[in-house]
């Protein structure tokens, strides 16, 4: 059964096919995808394919992605989860996105902290990593605030709109978190 997590303001739940329109509404925005390493969505099928990929990764134990639902409105405001999950090596990478209408309210910090706890305590991860564009000031500040260590720079690691970008590589080790 897919785990449901809750914080004071947020419910983290399974992403459903009915969420396709909402996901499309922000993944079609260049403002959202500019630091995502993928092109903005052009059609609703792009969102449907992403939801299918999330389900496949979960069923194959390669990742888990929650929908970020605001308890006050019951509206999906983003997604968060782990990808590149290796149960054998007890590691995964974190990724998240929020609809621009919900930026600046502390939601990202709230949900990242919640799944870090889940990753270390329930998934028994030893290492949680993150790869972030150098230019993504909000995510870089958030990860450092939550205790991630900046390990270095990956040169020309991600492409966005046909341009190679350098990224920071971060890690949070279980012993440094608990």
N, C-alpha and C. Protein backbone atom coordinates (compact mmCIF):
# COMPACT_ATOMS: atom_id res chain seq x y z
N UNK A 1 0.83 -1.17 0.00
CA UNK A 1 0.00 0.00 0.00
C UNK A 1 0.89 1.26 0.00
N UNK A 2 0.50 2.24 -0.79
CA UNK A 2 1.27 3.47 -0.91
C UNK A 2 1.18 4.26 0.40
N UNK A 3 2.32 4.69 0.95
CA UNK A 3 2.30 5.41 2.23
C UNK A 3 1.76 6.83 2.10
N UNK A 4 0.92 7.21 3.03
CA UNK A 4 0.40 8.58 3.12
C UNK A 4 1.09 9.23 4.31
N UNK A 5 1.69 10.40 4.08
CA UNK A 5 2.37 11.14 5.14
C UNK A 5 1.65 12.46 5.34
N UNK A 6 1.70 12.98 6.57
CA UNK A 6 1.04 14.25 6.83
C UNK A 6 1.92 15.16 7.68
N UNK A 7 1.85 16.44 7.35
CA UNK A 7 2.46 17.48 8.17
C UNK A 7 1.30 18.36 8.65
N UNK A 8 1.64 19.44 9.29
CA UNK A 8 0.58 20.34 9.78
C UNK A 8 -0.32 20.84 8.66
N UNK A 9 0.30 21.22 7.52
CA UNK A 9 -0.49 21.83 6.44
C UNK A 9 -0.64 20.97 5.21
N UNK A 10 0.10 19.87 5.14
CA UNK A 10 0.23 19.11 3.89
C UNK A 10 -0.10 17.63 4.09
N UNK A 11 -0.71 17.05 3.06
CA UNK A 11 -0.89 15.60 2.97
C UNK A 11 -0.06 15.14 1.77
N UNK A 12 0.83 14.18 2.01
CA UNK A 12 1.60 13.59 0.92
C UNK A 12 0.92 12.27 0.58
N UNK A 13 0.46 12.16 -0.65
CA UNK A 13 -0.34 11.02 -1.06
C UNK A 13 0.06 10.54 -2.45
N UNK A 14 -0.49 9.39 -2.80
CA UNK A 14 -0.21 8.83 -4.12
C UNK A 14 -0.74 9.77 -5.20
N UNK A 15 0.01 9.90 -6.27
CA UNK A 15 -0.41 10.71 -7.41
C UNK A 15 -1.31 9.84 -8.28
N UNK A 16 -2.46 10.39 -8.65
CA UNK A 16 -3.46 9.63 -9.41
C UNK A 16 -3.60 10.21 -10.81
N UNK A 17 -4.21 9.42 -11.68
CA UNK A 17 -4.44 9.88 -13.05
C UNK A 17 -5.29 11.15 -13.08
N UNK A 18 -6.17 11.31 -12.08
CA UNK A 18 -7.02 12.50 -12.02
C UNK A 18 -6.19 13.77 -11.75
N UNK A 19 -4.94 13.61 -11.36
CA UNK A 19 -4.08 14.76 -11.09
C UNK A 19 -3.40 15.30 -12.35
N UNK A 20 -3.63 14.68 -13.47
CA UNK A 20 -2.92 15.04 -14.70
C UNK A 20 -3.11 16.52 -15.07
N UNK A 21 -4.32 17.02 -14.98
CA UNK A 21 -4.56 18.43 -15.36
C UNK A 21 -3.80 19.38 -14.46
N UNK A 22 -3.79 19.09 -13.17
CA UNK A 22 -3.09 19.97 -12.22
C UNK A 22 -1.58 19.92 -12.46
N UNK A 23 -1.05 18.71 -12.66
CA UNK A 23 0.38 18.58 -12.93
C UNK A 23 0.74 19.28 -14.24
N UNK A 24 -0.10 19.13 -15.24
CA UNK A 24 0.14 19.81 -16.51
C UNK A 24 0.15 21.33 -16.31
N UNK A 25 -0.71 21.84 -15.42
CA UNK A 25 -0.83 23.29 -15.24
C UNK A 25 0.48 23.93 -14.79
N UNK A 26 1.32 23.20 -14.07
CA UNK A 26 2.59 23.84 -13.69
C UNK A 26 3.79 23.27 -14.42
N UNK A 27 3.75 22.04 -14.88
CA UNK A 27 4.87 21.52 -15.66
C UNK A 27 4.87 22.09 -17.09
N UNK A 28 3.83 22.79 -17.47
CA UNK A 28 3.82 23.46 -18.78
C UNK A 28 4.40 24.87 -18.67
N UNK A 29 4.80 25.24 -17.47
CA UNK A 29 5.36 26.57 -17.21
C UNK A 29 6.89 26.52 -17.24
N UNK A 30 7.49 27.34 -18.10
CA UNK A 30 8.96 27.43 -18.15
C UNK A 30 9.53 27.87 -16.81
N UNK A 31 8.76 28.63 -16.05
CA UNK A 31 9.20 29.09 -14.73
C UNK A 31 9.45 27.90 -13.80
N UNK A 32 8.65 26.85 -13.92
CA UNK A 32 8.78 25.66 -13.09
C UNK A 32 9.88 24.74 -13.61
N UNK A 33 9.92 24.54 -14.91
CA UNK A 33 10.85 23.54 -15.49
C UNK A 33 12.25 24.07 -15.75
N UNK A 34 12.49 25.35 -15.57
CA UNK A 34 13.80 25.91 -15.93
C UNK A 34 14.95 25.27 -15.18
N UNK A 35 14.72 24.73 -13.99
CA UNK A 35 15.76 24.05 -13.22
C UNK A 35 15.45 22.57 -13.05
N UNK A 36 14.65 22.03 -13.96
CA UNK A 36 14.18 20.65 -13.80
C UNK A 36 14.92 19.67 -14.70
N UNK A 37 15.56 20.19 -15.74
CA UNK A 37 16.27 19.30 -16.66
C UNK A 37 15.34 18.61 -17.64
N UNK A 38 14.20 19.18 -17.87
CA UNK A 38 13.27 18.64 -18.87
C UNK A 38 12.52 19.79 -19.52
N UNK A 39 11.99 19.53 -20.69
CA UNK A 39 11.23 20.55 -21.40
C UNK A 39 9.87 20.74 -20.74
N UNK A 40 9.32 21.93 -20.88
CA UNK A 40 7.97 22.18 -20.39
C UNK A 40 6.99 21.32 -21.17
N UNK A 41 5.93 20.88 -20.50
CA UNK A 41 4.92 20.04 -21.13
C UNK A 41 4.17 20.83 -22.20
N UNK A 42 3.87 20.15 -23.28
CA UNK A 42 3.14 20.76 -24.38
C UNK A 42 1.70 20.26 -24.47
N UNK A 43 1.45 19.06 -23.93
CA UNK A 43 0.12 18.46 -24.00
C UNK A 43 -0.16 17.65 -22.75
N UNK A 44 -1.42 17.42 -22.46
CA UNK A 44 -1.83 16.72 -21.25
C UNK A 44 -1.23 15.32 -21.17
N UNK A 45 -0.97 14.71 -22.32
CA UNK A 45 -0.37 13.37 -22.33
C UNK A 45 1.01 13.36 -21.67
N UNK A 46 1.70 14.49 -21.71
CA UNK A 46 3.00 14.58 -21.04
C UNK A 46 2.84 14.37 -19.53
N UNK A 47 1.81 14.96 -18.96
CA UNK A 47 1.53 14.79 -17.53
C UNK A 47 1.09 13.35 -17.25
N UNK A 48 0.26 12.80 -18.10
CA UNK A 48 -0.19 11.41 -17.93
C UNK A 48 0.99 10.45 -17.98
N UNK A 49 1.93 10.70 -18.88
CA UNK A 49 3.13 9.85 -18.99
C UNK A 49 4.01 9.97 -17.74
N UNK A 50 4.10 11.17 -17.18
CA UNK A 50 4.89 11.37 -15.97
C UNK A 50 4.26 10.59 -14.80
N UNK A 51 2.96 10.66 -14.68
CA UNK A 51 2.26 9.91 -13.62
C UNK A 51 2.50 8.42 -13.79
N UNK A 52 2.43 7.94 -15.01
CA UNK A 52 2.70 6.53 -15.30
C UNK A 52 4.14 6.15 -14.90
N UNK A 53 5.09 7.03 -15.19
CA UNK A 53 6.49 6.79 -14.82
C UNK A 53 6.63 6.73 -13.29
N UNK A 54 5.97 7.62 -12.57
CA UNK A 54 6.01 7.58 -11.10
C UNK A 54 5.48 6.24 -10.59
N UNK A 55 4.37 5.76 -11.15
CA UNK A 55 3.80 4.48 -10.73
C UNK A 55 4.74 3.32 -11.04
N UNK A 56 5.34 3.36 -12.22
CA UNK A 56 6.25 2.28 -12.62
C UNK A 56 7.48 2.26 -11.71
N UNK A 57 8.06 3.41 -11.44
CA UNK A 57 9.24 3.47 -10.57
C UNK A 57 8.92 2.93 -9.18
N UNK A 58 7.72 3.24 -8.67
CA UNK A 58 7.33 2.75 -7.35
C UNK A 58 7.15 1.23 -7.36
N UNK A 59 6.46 0.72 -8.37
CA UNK A 59 6.21 -0.73 -8.42
C UNK A 59 7.50 -1.51 -8.63
N UNK A 60 8.48 -0.90 -9.26
CA UNK A 60 9.77 -1.57 -9.50
C UNK A 60 10.81 -1.21 -8.43
N UNK A 61 10.39 -0.54 -7.37
CA UNK A 61 11.27 -0.14 -6.26
C UNK A 61 12.50 0.66 -6.75
N UNK A 62 12.24 1.59 -7.68
CA UNK A 62 13.30 2.47 -8.16
C UNK A 62 13.08 3.91 -7.71
N UNK A 63 11.91 4.15 -7.10
CA UNK A 63 11.60 5.49 -6.64
C UNK A 63 10.22 5.53 -6.01
N UNK A 64 9.94 6.64 -5.39
CA UNK A 64 8.61 6.90 -4.83
C UNK A 64 8.35 8.40 -4.95
N UNK A 65 7.17 8.75 -5.44
CA UNK A 65 6.83 10.16 -5.64
C UNK A 65 5.44 10.42 -5.08
N UNK A 66 5.37 11.36 -4.16
CA UNK A 66 4.11 11.75 -3.56
C UNK A 66 3.55 12.99 -4.22
N UNK A 67 2.25 13.11 -4.22
CA UNK A 67 1.60 14.36 -4.54
C UNK A 67 1.56 15.20 -3.28
N UNK A 68 1.86 16.48 -3.41
CA UNK A 68 1.81 17.40 -2.28
C UNK A 68 0.43 18.06 -2.31
N UNK A 69 -0.41 17.71 -1.35
CA UNK A 69 -1.78 18.21 -1.32
C UNK A 69 -1.95 19.15 -0.12
N UNK A 70 -2.42 20.33 -0.39
CA UNK A 70 -2.69 21.30 0.67
C UNK A 70 -3.95 20.87 1.41
N UNK A 71 -3.84 20.67 2.72
CA UNK A 71 -5.00 20.22 3.51
C UNK A 71 -6.13 21.25 3.49
N UNK A 72 -5.79 22.51 3.47
CA UNK A 72 -6.79 23.58 3.53
C UNK A 72 -7.69 23.59 2.30
N UNK A 73 -7.09 23.30 1.12
CA UNK A 73 -7.85 23.39 -0.14
C UNK A 73 -8.07 22.03 -0.81
N UNK A 74 -7.39 20.99 -0.32
CA UNK A 74 -7.40 19.66 -0.97
C UNK A 74 -6.91 19.74 -2.42
N UNK A 75 -6.06 20.72 -2.70
CA UNK A 75 -5.53 20.92 -4.05
C UNK A 75 -4.10 20.42 -4.12
N UNK A 76 -3.77 19.74 -5.22
CA UNK A 76 -2.40 19.31 -5.46
C UNK A 76 -1.56 20.54 -5.80
N UNK A 77 -0.48 20.75 -5.02
CA UNK A 77 0.35 21.94 -5.25
C UNK A 77 1.76 21.58 -5.69
N UNK A 78 2.06 20.29 -5.83
CA UNK A 78 3.38 19.87 -6.28
C UNK A 78 3.59 18.38 -6.08
N UNK A 79 4.83 17.97 -6.30
CA UNK A 79 5.21 16.57 -6.08
C UNK A 79 6.56 16.54 -5.39
N UNK A 80 6.82 15.44 -4.70
CA UNK A 80 8.10 15.27 -4.01
C UNK A 80 8.38 13.78 -3.89
N UNK A 81 9.64 13.43 -3.92
CA UNK A 81 9.95 12.03 -3.72
C UNK A 81 11.41 11.69 -3.94
N UNK A 82 11.62 10.39 -4.01
CA UNK A 82 12.96 9.85 -4.22
C UNK A 82 13.02 9.16 -5.57
N UNK A 83 14.13 9.36 -6.27
CA UNK A 83 14.40 8.63 -7.51
C UNK A 83 15.81 8.06 -7.39
N UNK A 84 16.20 7.29 -8.37
CA UNK A 84 17.49 6.58 -8.34
C UNK A 84 17.66 5.85 -7.01
N UNK A 85 16.58 5.26 -6.53
CA UNK A 85 16.56 4.53 -5.27
C UNK A 85 17.27 3.20 -5.45
N UNK A 86 18.24 2.95 -4.61
CA UNK A 86 18.96 1.68 -4.59
C UNK A 86 18.83 1.07 -3.20
N UNK A 87 17.83 0.19 -2.99
CA UNK A 87 17.68 -0.43 -1.68
C UNK A 87 18.95 -1.18 -1.24
N UNK A 88 19.62 -1.81 -2.17
CA UNK A 88 20.84 -2.55 -1.85
C UNK A 88 21.92 -1.63 -1.27
N UNK A 89 22.07 -0.46 -1.86
CA UNK A 89 23.10 0.47 -1.42
C UNK A 89 22.56 1.53 -0.46
N UNK A 90 21.28 1.42 -0.12
CA UNK A 90 20.64 2.28 0.88
C UNK A 90 20.80 3.77 0.56
N UNK A 91 20.52 4.10 -0.70
CA UNK A 91 20.62 5.50 -1.11
C UNK A 91 19.52 5.86 -2.11
N UNK A 92 19.25 7.14 -2.22
CA UNK A 92 18.30 7.67 -3.19
C UNK A 92 18.58 9.15 -3.35
N UNK A 93 18.01 9.73 -4.42
CA UNK A 93 18.09 11.17 -4.63
C UNK A 93 16.71 11.77 -4.45
N UNK A 94 16.68 12.95 -3.88
CA UNK A 94 15.42 13.64 -3.64
C UNK A 94 15.14 14.60 -4.79
N UNK A 95 13.87 14.78 -5.07
CA UNK A 95 13.43 15.75 -6.07
C UNK A 95 12.07 16.30 -5.67
N UNK A 96 11.77 17.52 -6.04
CA UNK A 96 10.50 18.13 -5.67
C UNK A 96 10.19 19.29 -6.60
N UNK A 97 8.93 19.64 -6.63
CA UNK A 97 8.46 20.77 -7.44
C UNK A 97 7.19 21.32 -6.79
N UNK A 98 6.97 22.58 -6.97
CA UNK A 98 5.77 23.24 -6.46
C UNK A 98 5.19 24.15 -7.53
N UNK A 99 3.88 24.26 -7.54
CA UNK A 99 3.21 25.23 -8.39
C UNK A 99 3.67 26.63 -7.96
N UNK A 100 3.99 27.52 -8.89
CA UNK A 100 4.49 28.86 -8.54
C UNK A 100 3.59 29.63 -7.58
N UNK A 101 2.29 29.38 -7.61
CA UNK A 101 1.38 30.06 -6.68
C UNK A 101 1.68 29.72 -5.23
N UNK A 102 2.46 28.66 -5.01
CA UNK A 102 2.73 28.18 -3.65
C UNK A 102 4.19 28.38 -3.24
N UNK A 103 4.95 29.13 -4.01
CA UNK A 103 6.33 29.43 -3.65
C UNK A 103 6.34 30.47 -2.53
N UNK A 104 7.32 30.34 -1.65
CA UNK A 104 7.54 31.35 -0.63
C UNK A 104 6.72 31.18 0.64
N UNK A 105 6.03 30.07 0.80
CA UNK A 105 5.20 29.84 1.99
C UNK A 105 5.77 28.77 2.92
N UNK A 106 6.98 28.28 2.62
CA UNK A 106 7.60 27.28 3.48
C UNK A 106 7.15 25.85 3.23
N UNK A 107 6.35 25.63 2.19
CA UNK A 107 5.88 24.27 1.90
C UNK A 107 7.03 23.33 1.55
N UNK A 108 7.98 23.81 0.77
CA UNK A 108 9.09 22.95 0.36
C UNK A 108 9.86 22.46 1.58
N UNK A 109 10.19 23.35 2.49
CA UNK A 109 10.92 22.95 3.68
C UNK A 109 10.11 21.94 4.50
N UNK A 110 8.83 22.18 4.62
CA UNK A 110 7.95 21.30 5.39
C UNK A 110 7.93 19.88 4.82
N UNK A 111 7.77 19.76 3.50
CA UNK A 111 7.64 18.42 2.91
C UNK A 111 9.00 17.74 2.73
N UNK A 112 10.05 18.50 2.45
CA UNK A 112 11.37 17.89 2.35
C UNK A 112 11.76 17.30 3.70
N UNK A 113 11.55 18.04 4.77
CA UNK A 113 11.86 17.53 6.11
C UNK A 113 11.08 16.25 6.40
N UNK A 114 9.83 16.20 5.99
CA UNK A 114 8.99 15.02 6.24
C UNK A 114 9.51 13.79 5.50
N UNK A 115 9.88 13.95 4.24
CA UNK A 115 10.32 12.74 3.54
C UNK A 115 11.77 12.37 3.87
N UNK A 116 12.56 13.32 4.35
CA UNK A 116 13.88 12.94 4.85
C UNK A 116 13.72 11.98 6.02
N UNK A 117 12.82 12.31 6.91
CA UNK A 117 12.55 11.44 8.05
C UNK A 117 12.06 10.07 7.57
N UNK A 118 11.15 10.06 6.62
CA UNK A 118 10.63 8.80 6.07
C UNK A 118 11.75 8.00 5.41
N UNK A 119 12.59 8.68 4.64
CA UNK A 119 13.69 8.00 3.94
C UNK A 119 14.67 7.34 4.89
N UNK A 120 15.03 8.03 5.94
CA UNK A 120 16.00 7.47 6.89
C UNK A 120 15.36 6.43 7.81
N UNK A 121 14.17 6.71 8.30
CA UNK A 121 13.57 5.83 9.31
C UNK A 121 12.83 4.63 8.72
N UNK A 122 12.07 4.83 7.65
CA UNK A 122 11.25 3.76 7.09
C UNK A 122 11.95 3.04 5.95
N UNK A 123 12.53 3.80 5.02
CA UNK A 123 13.23 3.18 3.89
C UNK A 123 14.63 2.71 4.28
N UNK A 124 15.08 3.13 5.46
CA UNK A 124 16.39 2.77 5.99
C UNK A 124 17.55 3.18 5.08
N UNK A 125 17.40 4.37 4.48
CA UNK A 125 18.47 4.91 3.65
C UNK A 125 19.63 5.36 4.52
N UNK A 126 20.82 5.25 3.98
CA UNK A 126 22.02 5.77 4.63
C UNK A 126 22.38 7.13 4.05
N UNK A 127 22.10 7.31 2.75
CA UNK A 127 22.48 8.54 2.04
C UNK A 127 21.30 9.02 1.20
N UNK A 128 21.01 10.31 1.32
CA UNK A 128 20.04 10.95 0.44
C UNK A 128 20.80 12.06 -0.29
N UNK A 129 20.77 11.98 -1.60
CA UNK A 129 21.48 12.95 -2.42
C UNK A 129 20.53 13.90 -3.13
N UNK A 130 21.10 14.94 -3.69
CA UNK A 130 20.34 15.89 -4.49
C UNK A 130 21.28 16.50 -5.52
N UNK A 131 20.74 16.73 -6.71
CA UNK A 131 21.47 17.40 -7.78
C UNK A 131 20.67 18.65 -8.13
N UNK A 132 21.33 19.82 -8.05
CA UNK A 132 20.62 21.09 -8.19
C UNK A 132 21.42 22.03 -9.08
N UNK A 133 20.72 22.67 -10.01
CA UNK A 133 21.36 23.68 -10.85
C UNK A 133 22.00 24.75 -9.96
N UNK A 134 23.20 25.22 -10.34
CA UNK A 134 23.87 26.27 -9.58
C UNK A 134 22.97 27.50 -9.43
N UNK A 135 22.17 27.79 -10.46
CA UNK A 135 21.35 28.99 -10.49
C UNK A 135 20.07 28.88 -9.65
N UNK A 136 19.75 27.70 -9.16
CA UNK A 136 18.51 27.49 -8.40
C UNK A 136 18.72 27.88 -6.93
N UNK A 137 18.73 29.19 -6.69
CA UNK A 137 19.03 29.72 -5.36
C UNK A 137 18.12 29.16 -4.28
N UNK A 138 16.82 29.06 -4.55
CA UNK A 138 15.87 28.61 -3.53
C UNK A 138 16.19 27.19 -3.07
N UNK A 139 16.41 26.28 -4.00
CA UNK A 139 16.70 24.89 -3.61
C UNK A 139 18.07 24.77 -2.96
N UNK A 140 19.05 25.51 -3.46
CA UNK A 140 20.38 25.45 -2.85
C UNK A 140 20.33 25.91 -1.39
N UNK A 141 19.63 26.99 -1.12
CA UNK A 141 19.50 27.49 0.26
C UNK A 141 18.73 26.51 1.13
N UNK A 142 17.66 25.94 0.59
CA UNK A 142 16.83 25.01 1.36
C UNK A 142 17.62 23.78 1.78
N UNK A 143 18.35 23.19 0.86
CA UNK A 143 19.10 21.97 1.18
C UNK A 143 20.16 22.24 2.24
N UNK A 144 20.87 23.35 2.12
CA UNK A 144 21.86 23.70 3.13
C UNK A 144 21.21 23.93 4.49
N UNK A 145 20.08 24.59 4.50
CA UNK A 145 19.35 24.86 5.75
C UNK A 145 18.93 23.56 6.43
N UNK A 146 18.61 22.53 5.63
CA UNK A 146 18.16 21.25 6.18
C UNK A 146 19.31 20.29 6.49
N UNK A 147 20.56 20.78 6.36
CA UNK A 147 21.70 19.99 6.78
C UNK A 147 22.44 19.24 5.69
N UNK A 148 22.04 19.42 4.44
CA UNK A 148 22.76 18.76 3.35
C UNK A 148 24.16 19.36 3.22
N UNK A 149 25.08 18.54 2.81
CA UNK A 149 26.45 18.99 2.54
C UNK A 149 26.63 19.13 1.04
N UNK A 150 27.17 20.26 0.62
CA UNK A 150 27.49 20.46 -0.80
C UNK A 150 28.82 19.75 -1.06
N UNK A 151 28.79 18.69 -1.86
CA UNK A 151 29.98 17.87 -2.08
C UNK A 151 30.84 18.36 -3.24
N UNK A 152 30.23 19.06 -4.16
CA UNK A 152 31.01 19.53 -5.30
C UNK A 152 30.13 19.97 -6.44
N UNK A 153 30.78 20.17 -7.59
CA UNK A 153 30.09 20.61 -8.80
C UNK A 153 30.25 19.53 -9.86
N UNK A 154 29.12 19.19 -10.49
CA UNK A 154 29.13 18.28 -11.64
C UNK A 154 29.10 19.15 -12.89
N UNK A 155 30.19 19.14 -13.64
CA UNK A 155 30.32 20.00 -14.82
C UNK A 155 29.43 19.52 -15.97
N UNK A 156 28.71 20.45 -16.59
CA UNK A 156 27.85 20.17 -17.75
C UNK A 156 27.00 18.92 -17.52
N UNK A 157 26.38 18.84 -16.37
CA UNK A 157 25.69 17.63 -15.94
C UNK A 157 24.24 17.53 -16.42
N UNK A 158 23.55 18.68 -16.52
CA UNK A 158 22.14 18.68 -16.92
C UNK A 158 21.94 19.61 -18.11
N UNK A 159 21.05 19.18 -18.99
CA UNK A 159 20.69 20.00 -20.13
C UNK A 159 19.30 20.59 -19.92
N UNK A 160 19.18 21.86 -20.24
CA UNK A 160 17.89 22.54 -20.23
C UNK A 160 17.83 23.39 -21.47
N UNK A 161 16.81 23.17 -22.28
CA UNK A 161 16.65 23.91 -23.53
C UNK A 161 17.89 23.82 -24.41
N UNK A 162 18.52 22.65 -24.44
CA UNK A 162 19.67 22.42 -25.31
C UNK A 162 20.98 22.97 -24.79
N UNK A 163 21.00 23.51 -23.58
CA UNK A 163 22.20 24.10 -23.00
C UNK A 163 22.65 23.25 -21.81
N UNK A 164 23.95 22.96 -21.76
CA UNK A 164 24.51 22.19 -20.63
C UNK A 164 24.72 23.12 -19.44
N UNK A 165 24.33 22.64 -18.26
CA UNK A 165 24.49 23.40 -17.03
C UNK A 165 25.28 22.60 -16.01
N UNK A 166 26.07 23.31 -15.22
CA UNK A 166 26.73 22.70 -14.07
C UNK A 166 25.70 22.57 -12.95
N UNK A 167 25.90 21.57 -12.10
CA UNK A 167 25.01 21.38 -10.95
C UNK A 167 25.84 21.13 -9.70
N UNK A 168 25.24 21.46 -8.57
CA UNK A 168 25.82 21.06 -7.30
C UNK A 168 25.35 19.65 -6.99
N UNK A 169 26.20 18.88 -6.33
CA UNK A 169 25.81 17.58 -5.80
C UNK A 169 25.82 17.70 -4.28
N UNK A 170 24.72 17.31 -3.67
CA UNK A 170 24.53 17.38 -2.23
C UNK A 170 24.33 15.99 -1.65
N UNK A 171 24.62 15.85 -0.37
CA UNK A 171 24.28 14.62 0.34
C UNK A 171 23.89 14.94 1.77
N UNK A 172 23.06 14.07 2.28
CA UNK A 172 22.73 14.07 3.71
C UNK A 172 22.90 12.63 4.15
N UNK A 173 23.75 12.41 5.12
CA UNK A 173 24.07 11.06 5.60
C UNK A 173 23.27 10.81 6.88
N UNK A 174 22.72 9.62 6.96
CA UNK A 174 21.87 9.24 8.09
C UNK A 174 22.49 9.61 9.45
N UNK A 175 23.75 9.29 9.67
CA UNK A 175 24.40 9.56 10.96
C UNK A 175 24.45 11.05 11.28
N UNK A 176 24.46 11.89 10.25
CA UNK A 176 24.49 13.34 10.45
C UNK A 176 23.11 13.92 10.63
N UNK A 177 22.08 13.11 10.34
CA UNK A 177 20.71 13.60 10.39
C UNK A 177 20.02 13.23 11.70
N UNK A 178 20.18 12.00 12.11
CA UNK A 178 19.42 11.51 13.29
C UNK A 178 20.05 11.92 14.59
